[in-house]
Amino acid sequence: MNLICEITQQALLTGCLTIESENQLRQLLSGKYGTEDLKAFIRLQQAVMEGLVRQESRERFFAQVSPGSFTQEVAIAS
């Protein structure tokens, strides 16, 4: 089994894509990979979009951004 497939399988089993796994995927996807790895990555993307797998990085990002300050920044930028 290829490494992208393994990372995808782990994320699907646990329901979580860790920051470490996400960084590893970025590295792997910047190089050459096979059709099976591409299909696995697409499955992972779909699972994230459907809410079956959560991204630790997004959760941490949104936990750091307070709703009030985000709204104010958007209003100021407009």
Protein backbone atom coordinates (compact mmCIF):
# COMPACT_ATOMS: atom_id res chain seq x y z
CA MET A 1 0.00 0.00 0.00
CA ASN A 2 1.27 3.47 -0.86
CA LEU A 3 1.84 6.10 1.81
CA ILE A 4 -0.96 8.45 0.67
CA CYS A 5 -3.31 5.48 0.75
CA GLU A 6 -2.15 4.63 4.27
CA ILE A 7 -2.65 8.18 5.54
CA THR A 8 -6.10 8.28 3.95
CA GLN A 9 -7.05 4.93 5.47
CA GLN A 10 -5.93 6.07 8.93
CA ALA A 11 -7.91 9.32 8.67
CA LEU A 12 -11.03 7.47 7.51
CA LEU A 13 -10.73 4.97 10.37
CA THR A 14 -10.18 7.60 13.07
CA GLY A 15 -12.35 10.33 11.59
CA CYS A 16 -9.50 12.80 12.01
CA LEU A 17 -6.73 14.11 9.77
CA THR A 18 -3.95 15.18 12.11
CA ILE A 19 -1.73 18.16 11.45
CA GLU A 20 1.24 15.82 11.06
CA SER A 21 -0.60 13.70 8.49
CA GLU A 22 -1.77 16.79 6.62
CA ASN A 23 1.81 18.08 6.41
CA GLN A 24 3.01 14.67 5.24
CA LEU A 25 0.33 14.65 2.54
CA ARG A 26 1.48 18.06 1.31
CA GLN A 27 5.02 16.74 0.94
CA LEU A 28 3.92 13.55 -0.79
CA LEU A 29 1.58 15.37 -3.17
CA SER A 30 4.34 17.75 -4.25
CA GLY A 31 6.20 14.80 -5.73
CA LYS A 32 5.25 11.92 -7.98
CA TYR A 33 2.48 9.56 -6.93
CA GLY A 34 0.40 6.86 -8.54
CA THR A 35 -3.21 6.54 -9.55
CA GLU A 36 -4.15 4.66 -6.37
CA ASP A 37 -2.72 7.43 -4.22
CA LEU A 38 -4.63 10.04 -6.23
CA LYS A 39 -7.88 8.10 -5.82
CA ALA A 40 -7.23 7.77 -2.08
CA PHE A 41 -6.60 11.50 -1.75
CA ILE A 42 -9.83 12.27 -3.60
CA ARG A 43 -11.70 9.93 -1.23
CA LEU A 44 -10.17 11.77 1.70
CA GLN A 45 -11.18 15.16 0.29
CA GLN A 46 -14.75 13.92 -0.17
CA ALA A 47 -14.86 12.55 3.37
CA VAL A 48 -13.68 15.89 4.76
CA MET A 49 -16.29 17.79 2.72
CA GLU A 50 -19.02 15.42 3.91
CA GLY A 51 -17.96 15.85 7.53
CA LEU A 52 -16.85 12.25 7.96
CA VAL A 53 -13.25 13.30 8.64
CA ARG A 54 -12.34 16.43 10.57
CA GLN A 55 -9.14 18.39 10.03
CA GLU A 56 -7.21 19.12 13.20
CA SER A 57 -5.55 22.16 11.55
CA ARG A 58 -8.90 23.78 10.76
CA GLU A 59 -10.22 23.16 14.25
CA ARG A 60 -7.16 24.79 15.79
CA PHE A 61 -7.35 27.73 13.39
CA PHE A 62 -11.00 28.45 14.10
CA ALA A 63 -10.48 27.99 17.84
CA GLN A 64 -7.87 30.77 17.74
CA VAL A 65 -10.04 33.18 15.77
CA SER A 66 -12.68 34.71 17.98
CA PRO A 67 -15.97 35.31 16.14
CA GLY A 68 -16.08 39.00 17.11
CA SER A 69 -12.63 39.88 15.83
CA PHE A 70 -13.16 37.97 12.58
CA THR A 71 -16.41 39.85 11.88
CA GLN A 72 -14.73 43.17 12.63
CA GLU A 73 -11.83 42.41 10.29
CA VAL A 74 -14.23 41.53 7.48
CA ALA A 75 -16.20 44.74 8.07
CA ILE A 76 -13.03 46.84 8.06
CA ALA A 77 -11.79 45.19 4.86
CA SER A 78 -15.08 45.90 3.06
